[in-house]
N, C-alpha and C. Protein backbone atom coordinates (compact mmCIF):
# COMPACT_ATOMS: atom_id res chain seq x y z
N MET A 1 134.27 65.08 -35.78
CA MET A 1 133.50 63.73 -35.98
C MET A 1 132.33 63.91 -34.94
N LYS A 2 131.46 63.29 -35.42
CA LYS A 2 130.01 63.18 -34.73
C LYS A 2 129.99 61.92 -33.77
N ASP A 3 129.58 62.21 -32.43
CA ASP A 3 129.62 61.09 -31.63
C ASP A 3 128.04 60.38 -31.72
N THR A 4 128.24 59.07 -32.22
CA THR A 4 126.98 58.37 -32.55
C THR A 4 126.84 57.27 -31.55
N SER A 5 127.50 57.18 -30.37
CA SER A 5 127.41 56.24 -29.39
C SER A 5 126.05 56.25 -28.77
N GLN A 6 125.59 57.41 -28.50
CA GLN A 6 124.33 57.31 -28.02
C GLN A 6 123.31 56.99 -28.97
N GLU A 7 123.39 57.28 -30.14
CA GLU A 7 122.46 56.81 -31.42
C GLU A 7 122.27 55.20 -31.40
N LEU A 8 123.32 54.55 -31.05
CA LEU A 8 123.39 53.12 -31.28
C LEU A 8 123.15 52.29 -30.19
N GLN A 9 122.89 52.96 -29.00
CA GLN A 9 122.39 52.28 -27.75
C GLN A 9 120.92 51.70 -27.91
N LYS A 10 120.66 50.78 -27.26
CA LYS A 10 119.28 50.20 -27.19
C LYS A 10 118.35 51.14 -26.13
N LYS A 11 117.21 51.45 -26.71
CA LYS A 11 116.26 52.13 -25.97
C LYS A 11 115.38 51.38 -24.99
N GLU A 12 115.51 51.69 -23.76
CA GLU A 12 114.61 50.73 -22.69
C GLU A 12 113.43 51.18 -22.80
N ALA A 13 112.44 50.18 -23.03
CA ALA A 13 110.91 50.36 -23.06
C ALA A 13 110.43 50.88 -21.64
N GLU A 14 109.47 51.65 -22.01
CA GLU A 14 108.67 52.26 -20.71
C GLU A 14 107.44 51.14 -20.47
N THR A 15 107.24 51.11 -19.32
CA THR A 15 105.95 50.36 -18.97
C THR A 15 105.02 51.13 -19.07
N PRO A 16 103.88 50.67 -19.95
CA PRO A 16 102.62 51.49 -20.06
C PRO A 16 101.73 51.75 -18.84
N ALA A 17 101.12 52.73 -18.78
CA ALA A 17 100.36 53.21 -17.60
C ALA A 17 99.27 52.16 -17.37
N GLY A 18 99.17 51.89 -15.95
CA GLY A 18 98.19 50.90 -15.72
C GLY A 18 98.70 49.34 -15.89
N ILE A 19 99.86 49.33 -16.26
CA ILE A 19 100.46 47.91 -16.37
C ILE A 19 101.55 47.59 -15.49
N GLU A 20 101.50 46.58 -14.63
CA GLU A 20 102.56 46.34 -13.63
C GLU A 20 103.31 44.86 -14.11
N ARG A 21 104.52 44.92 -14.16
CA ARG A 21 105.43 44.00 -14.72
C ARG A 21 105.53 42.90 -13.47
N THR A 22 105.49 41.69 -13.58
CA THR A 22 105.56 40.74 -12.46
C THR A 22 107.01 40.31 -12.42
N ARG A 23 108.03 40.52 -13.30
CA ARG A 23 109.30 40.22 -12.95
C ARG A 23 110.37 41.40 -13.42
N ASP A 24 111.26 41.33 -12.62
CA ASP A 24 112.25 42.54 -12.72
C ASP A 24 113.28 42.24 -13.69
N GLU A 25 112.91 42.11 -15.05
CA GLU A 25 113.60 42.19 -16.10
C GLU A 25 113.68 43.42 -17.25
N LYS A 26 114.67 43.76 -17.88
CA LYS A 26 114.77 44.91 -18.69
C LYS A 26 113.91 44.58 -20.10
N TYR A 27 113.44 45.48 -20.46
CA TYR A 27 112.69 45.38 -22.01
C TYR A 27 113.25 46.34 -22.71
N TYR A 28 113.51 46.20 -23.98
CA TYR A 28 114.20 47.17 -24.82
C TYR A 28 113.28 47.39 -25.94
N LEU A 29 113.21 48.59 -26.63
CA LEU A 29 112.42 48.77 -27.69
C LEU A 29 113.19 48.36 -29.01
N PRO A 30 112.78 47.27 -29.73
CA PRO A 30 113.53 47.06 -30.98
C PRO A 30 113.80 47.82 -31.99
N ALA A 31 114.73 48.27 -32.60
CA ALA A 31 114.95 49.34 -33.81
C ALA A 31 114.00 48.58 -34.91
N VAL A 32 113.11 49.53 -35.66
CA VAL A 32 112.41 48.92 -36.78
C VAL A 32 112.45 49.79 -37.92
N ASP A 33 112.26 49.18 -38.99
CA ASP A 33 112.05 49.72 -40.31
C ASP A 33 110.58 49.56 -40.63
N ILE A 34 109.89 50.34 -41.29
CA ILE A 34 108.50 50.27 -41.65
C ILE A 34 108.46 50.56 -43.11
N ILE A 35 108.28 49.63 -44.02
CA ILE A 35 108.14 49.76 -45.39
C ILE A 35 106.75 49.61 -45.99
N GLU A 36 106.44 50.48 -46.77
CA GLU A 36 105.00 50.33 -47.48
C GLU A 36 105.20 50.00 -48.75
N LYS A 37 104.45 48.85 -49.21
CA LYS A 37 104.52 48.32 -50.53
C LYS A 37 102.97 48.59 -50.94
N SER A 38 102.87 48.33 -52.26
CA SER A 38 101.53 48.36 -52.87
C SER A 38 100.37 47.54 -52.37
N ASP A 39 100.70 46.33 -51.66
CA ASP A 39 99.88 45.43 -51.34
C ASP A 39 100.16 44.91 -49.89
N SER A 40 101.13 45.67 -49.30
CA SER A 40 101.27 45.17 -47.77
C SER A 40 102.17 46.33 -47.11
N ILE A 41 102.29 46.23 -45.71
CA ILE A 41 103.32 47.04 -45.07
C ILE A 41 104.05 45.92 -44.30
N VAL A 42 105.49 46.33 -44.43
CA VAL A 42 106.43 45.31 -43.81
C VAL A 42 107.00 45.97 -42.66
N VAL A 43 107.12 45.45 -41.40
CA VAL A 43 107.77 45.88 -40.41
C VAL A 43 109.21 44.86 -40.11
N VAL A 44 110.25 45.49 -40.11
CA VAL A 44 111.63 44.70 -39.84
C VAL A 44 112.06 45.06 -38.59
N ALA A 45 112.12 44.43 -37.65
CA ALA A 45 112.71 44.57 -36.21
C ALA A 45 114.12 43.93 -35.96
N ASP A 46 114.94 44.59 -35.30
CA ASP A 46 116.03 43.81 -34.94
C ASP A 46 115.85 43.21 -33.46
N VAL A 47 116.01 41.93 -33.29
CA VAL A 47 115.64 41.12 -31.95
C VAL A 47 116.78 40.14 -31.88
N PRO A 48 118.29 40.69 -31.76
CA PRO A 48 119.26 39.70 -31.73
C PRO A 48 118.98 38.88 -30.37
N GLY A 49 119.37 37.62 -30.64
CA GLY A 49 119.16 36.66 -29.55
C GLY A 49 118.11 35.96 -29.47
N CYS A 50 117.14 36.36 -30.48
CA CYS A 50 115.70 35.61 -30.42
C CYS A 50 115.61 34.86 -31.80
N ASP A 51 115.05 33.50 -31.50
CA ASP A 51 114.46 32.67 -32.79
C ASP A 51 113.21 32.67 -32.83
N GLU A 52 112.66 31.72 -33.56
CA GLU A 52 111.14 31.75 -33.85
C GLU A 52 110.51 31.21 -32.60
N LYS A 53 111.15 30.43 -31.66
CA LYS A 53 110.64 30.02 -30.63
C LYS A 53 110.63 31.11 -29.42
N ALA A 54 111.22 32.22 -29.68
CA ALA A 54 111.50 33.22 -28.47
C ALA A 54 110.65 34.29 -28.92
N VAL A 55 110.21 34.48 -30.06
CA VAL A 55 109.27 35.77 -30.50
C VAL A 55 107.92 35.25 -30.59
N ASP A 56 107.15 36.25 -29.82
CA ASP A 56 105.69 35.87 -29.60
C ASP A 56 104.91 37.30 -30.14
N ILE A 57 104.23 36.93 -31.19
CA ILE A 57 103.44 38.22 -31.67
C ILE A 57 101.78 37.98 -31.47
N THR A 58 101.32 38.84 -30.89
CA THR A 58 99.70 38.97 -30.71
C THR A 58 99.22 40.12 -31.32
N LEU A 59 97.76 39.85 -31.53
CA LEU A 59 97.02 40.96 -32.22
C LEU A 59 95.63 40.85 -31.33
N GLU A 60 95.68 42.01 -30.70
CA GLU A 60 94.23 42.19 -29.84
C GLU A 60 93.65 43.56 -30.07
N LYS A 61 92.36 43.40 -30.42
CA LYS A 61 91.76 44.59 -30.94
C LYS A 61 92.68 45.20 -32.37
N ASN A 62 93.09 46.58 -32.06
CA ASN A 62 93.84 46.96 -33.21
C ASN A 62 95.31 46.97 -32.88
N VAL A 63 95.86 46.29 -32.03
CA VAL A 63 97.11 46.44 -31.23
C VAL A 63 97.84 45.03 -31.58
N LEU A 64 98.98 45.32 -32.28
CA LEU A 64 99.99 44.29 -32.78
C LEU A 64 101.14 44.43 -31.69
N THR A 65 101.41 43.39 -30.84
CA THR A 65 102.62 43.44 -29.92
C THR A 65 103.49 42.39 -30.23
N ILE A 66 104.79 42.98 -30.28
CA ILE A 66 105.95 41.80 -30.53
C ILE A 66 106.63 41.70 -29.35
N ASN A 67 106.82 40.50 -28.84
CA ASN A 67 107.54 40.17 -27.71
C ASN A 67 108.76 39.23 -27.93
N GLY A 68 110.05 39.72 -27.53
CA GLY A 68 111.18 38.72 -27.73
C GLY A 68 111.72 38.38 -26.53
N LEU A 69 111.85 37.10 -26.16
CA LEU A 69 112.45 36.85 -25.04
C LEU A 69 113.86 36.24 -25.19
N VAL A 70 114.83 36.89 -24.45
CA VAL A 70 116.23 36.55 -24.85
C VAL A 70 116.82 36.19 -23.26
N SER A 71 117.32 34.90 -23.60
CA SER A 71 118.14 34.19 -22.29
C SER A 71 119.60 34.85 -22.33
N GLU A 72 120.03 34.85 -21.18
CA GLU A 72 121.27 35.57 -21.05
C GLU A 72 122.35 34.69 -21.28
N GLY A 73 122.76 33.91 -22.19
CA GLY A 73 123.90 32.92 -22.43
C GLY A 73 125.26 33.17 -21.93
N ARG A 74 125.44 32.94 -20.70
CA ARG A 74 126.68 32.94 -20.04
C ARG A 74 127.38 31.87 -20.59
N ILE A 75 128.64 32.07 -20.47
CA ILE A 75 129.86 30.91 -20.99
C ILE A 75 130.17 30.31 -19.67
N GLU A 76 130.09 28.77 -19.65
CA GLU A 76 130.12 28.00 -18.65
C GLU A 76 131.75 28.20 -18.26
N GLY A 77 132.15 28.28 -17.04
CA GLY A 77 133.73 28.29 -16.74
C GLY A 77 134.31 29.48 -17.13
N MET A 78 133.57 30.61 -17.31
CA MET A 78 134.28 32.04 -17.51
C MET A 78 133.50 33.01 -16.86
N ARG A 79 134.39 34.01 -16.53
CA ARG A 79 133.91 35.01 -15.74
C ARG A 79 133.86 36.31 -16.56
N LEU A 80 132.42 37.05 -16.50
CA LEU A 80 132.41 38.27 -17.27
C LEU A 80 133.29 39.32 -16.91
N ALA A 81 134.22 39.78 -17.64
CA ALA A 81 135.13 40.97 -17.27
C ALA A 81 134.59 42.30 -17.53
N LEU A 82 133.79 42.50 -18.62
CA LEU A 82 133.20 43.76 -19.02
C LEU A 82 132.07 43.48 -19.58
N ASN A 83 131.00 44.36 -19.55
CA ASN A 83 129.74 44.12 -20.05
C ASN A 83 129.06 45.38 -20.59
N GLU A 84 129.35 45.68 -21.86
CA GLU A 84 128.81 46.84 -22.47
C GLU A 84 127.41 46.72 -23.16
N TYR A 85 127.00 45.58 -23.44
CA TYR A 85 125.79 45.16 -24.18
C TYR A 85 124.75 44.68 -23.12
N GLY A 86 123.73 45.62 -23.27
CA GLY A 86 122.63 45.23 -22.11
C GLY A 86 121.92 44.11 -22.77
N VAL A 87 121.61 43.15 -21.88
CA VAL A 87 120.91 41.96 -22.27
C VAL A 87 119.47 42.00 -21.61
N GLY A 88 118.37 41.79 -22.59
CA GLY A 88 117.20 42.08 -21.93
C GLY A 88 116.06 41.59 -23.21
N ASN A 89 114.85 41.50 -22.72
CA ASN A 89 113.86 41.13 -23.60
C ASN A 89 113.26 42.23 -24.56
N TYR A 90 112.55 42.06 -25.63
CA TYR A 90 112.14 43.04 -26.47
C TYR A 90 110.47 43.10 -26.43
N GLN A 91 110.09 44.29 -26.60
CA GLN A 91 108.88 44.64 -26.68
C GLN A 91 108.43 45.82 -27.53
N ARG A 92 107.56 45.80 -28.31
CA ARG A 92 107.06 46.95 -29.18
C ARG A 92 105.74 46.75 -29.65
N GLN A 93 104.99 47.81 -29.54
CA GLN A 93 103.72 47.79 -29.91
C GLN A 93 103.06 48.65 -31.03
N PHE A 94 102.42 48.35 -32.01
CA PHE A 94 101.94 49.03 -33.11
C PHE A 94 100.51 49.09 -33.11
N THR A 95 99.58 50.27 -33.47
CA THR A 95 98.16 50.30 -33.47
C THR A 95 97.99 50.14 -35.25
N LEU A 96 97.20 49.23 -35.55
CA LEU A 96 96.95 48.90 -36.87
C LEU A 96 95.49 49.79 -37.33
N SER A 97 95.68 50.07 -38.48
CA SER A 97 94.50 50.82 -39.18
C SER A 97 93.58 49.77 -39.69
N ASP A 98 92.39 50.20 -40.20
CA ASP A 98 91.39 49.27 -40.83
C ASP A 98 91.87 48.73 -42.02
N GLU A 99 92.92 49.31 -42.67
CA GLU A 99 93.34 48.85 -44.07
C GLU A 99 94.19 47.55 -43.99
N ILE A 100 94.43 46.87 -42.80
CA ILE A 100 95.36 45.82 -42.77
C ILE A 100 94.40 44.61 -42.73
N ASP A 101 94.77 43.50 -43.35
CA ASP A 101 93.97 42.31 -43.54
C ASP A 101 94.45 41.40 -42.26
N ARG A 102 93.81 41.41 -41.16
CA ARG A 102 94.17 40.59 -39.89
C ARG A 102 94.64 39.36 -40.06
N GLU A 103 93.82 38.64 -40.84
CA GLU A 103 93.93 37.14 -41.13
C GLU A 103 95.05 36.65 -42.05
N GLY A 104 95.65 37.77 -42.65
CA GLY A 104 96.84 37.43 -43.66
C GLY A 104 98.12 37.79 -43.05
N ILE A 105 98.22 38.27 -41.73
CA ILE A 105 99.57 38.60 -41.21
C ILE A 105 100.48 37.59 -41.07
N GLN A 106 101.85 37.67 -41.60
CA GLN A 106 102.94 36.55 -41.43
C GLN A 106 103.97 37.26 -40.83
N ALA A 107 104.90 36.25 -40.18
CA ALA A 107 106.11 36.71 -39.39
C ALA A 107 106.92 35.70 -39.55
N LYS A 108 108.30 36.10 -39.78
CA LYS A 108 109.51 35.11 -40.01
C LYS A 108 110.72 35.90 -39.12
N VAL A 109 111.64 34.86 -38.65
CA VAL A 109 112.73 35.59 -37.92
C VAL A 109 113.89 34.94 -38.48
N LYS A 110 115.01 35.59 -38.83
CA LYS A 110 116.21 35.05 -39.32
C LYS A 110 117.48 35.88 -38.98
N ASN A 111 118.55 35.11 -38.14
CA ASN A 111 119.51 35.79 -37.71
C ASN A 111 119.16 37.07 -37.06
N GLY A 112 118.51 37.07 -35.96
CA GLY A 112 117.95 38.10 -35.15
C GLY A 112 117.05 39.24 -35.88
N VAL A 113 116.60 38.94 -36.98
CA VAL A 113 115.77 40.05 -37.81
C VAL A 113 114.64 39.59 -37.79
N LEU A 114 113.53 40.12 -37.26
CA LEU A 114 112.16 39.58 -37.39
C LEU A 114 111.56 40.56 -38.66
N THR A 115 110.79 39.83 -39.38
CA THR A 115 110.00 40.62 -40.60
C THR A 115 108.50 40.15 -40.50
N VAL A 116 107.78 41.30 -40.25
CA VAL A 116 106.29 40.90 -40.08
C VAL A 116 105.70 41.63 -41.50
N ILE A 117 104.93 40.83 -42.06
CA ILE A 117 104.26 41.23 -43.23
C ILE A 117 102.70 41.43 -42.96
N LEU A 118 102.39 42.67 -43.18
CA LEU A 118 100.96 43.07 -42.83
C LEU A 118 100.17 43.31 -44.10
N PRO A 119 99.60 42.36 -44.86
CA PRO A 119 98.66 42.54 -46.07
C PRO A 119 97.78 43.58 -45.92
N LYS A 120 97.67 44.35 -46.94
CA LYS A 120 96.52 45.34 -47.18
C LYS A 120 95.22 44.71 -47.46
N SER A 121 94.13 45.13 -46.87
CA SER A 121 92.77 44.43 -47.13
C SER A 121 92.66 44.86 -48.79
N SER A 122 91.76 44.38 -49.31
CA SER A 122 91.40 44.70 -50.81
C SER A 122 90.77 46.05 -50.89
N THR A 123 90.15 46.52 -50.09
CA THR A 123 89.53 47.92 -50.20
C THR A 123 90.71 48.90 -50.06
N ALA A 124 91.81 48.66 -49.28
CA ALA A 124 92.87 49.68 -49.17
C ALA A 124 93.88 49.68 -50.42
N LYS A 125 93.83 48.54 -51.08
CA LYS A 125 94.93 48.46 -52.02
C LYS A 125 94.64 49.44 -53.35
N THR A 126 95.66 50.06 -53.91
CA THR A 126 95.50 51.01 -54.86
C THR A 126 95.19 50.15 -56.18
N ARG A 127 94.21 50.56 -56.92
CA ARG A 127 93.82 49.83 -58.18
C ARG A 127 93.59 51.03 -59.43
N LYS A 128 93.88 50.50 -60.59
CA LYS A 128 93.86 51.17 -61.74
C LYS A 128 92.37 51.29 -62.25
N ILE A 129 91.84 52.58 -62.58
CA ILE A 129 90.47 52.58 -63.00
C ILE A 129 90.54 52.79 -64.71
N ALA A 130 90.01 52.05 -65.33
CA ALA A 130 90.10 52.13 -66.70
C ALA A 130 89.11 53.33 -67.17
N VAL A 131 89.65 54.07 -68.21
CA VAL A 131 88.96 55.25 -68.73
C VAL A 131 88.66 54.74 -70.16
N VAL A 132 87.58 54.95 -70.57
CA VAL A 132 86.96 54.62 -71.78
C VAL A 132 86.47 55.88 -72.56
N SER A 133 86.56 55.92 -73.81
CA SER A 133 85.70 57.04 -74.53
C SER A 133 84.27 56.75 -74.82
N GLU A 134 83.77 57.83 -75.07
CA GLU A 134 82.25 57.69 -75.45
C GLU A 134 82.19 57.59 -76.96
């Protein structure tokens, strides 16, 4: 039987060169699926512990940045006996091509799953060319 325990663990995000974090917190890379449709590209990211108030998405130049802030929900009156799940914030960046309509980007989060819809610009969409006979 194949050992998949390493595959299921969260990957810690590396701090980009030239960037210094001001807080000593862990940042994880959220696992994503990227789906291309005829009119858009959809990014689905796992951000457990985040709701719409805890997710921040920015677009600067051609870089889309997803930040998710997770609070460490300790249960009052109880002591942690074992901690196998790393609690930390999420950060992931994507470089967008010119085929994305930046004004139409939408995002929603439900049950710890973030969906970002990146609509294609009209010039990037596939269109059918009619062929006529002479």
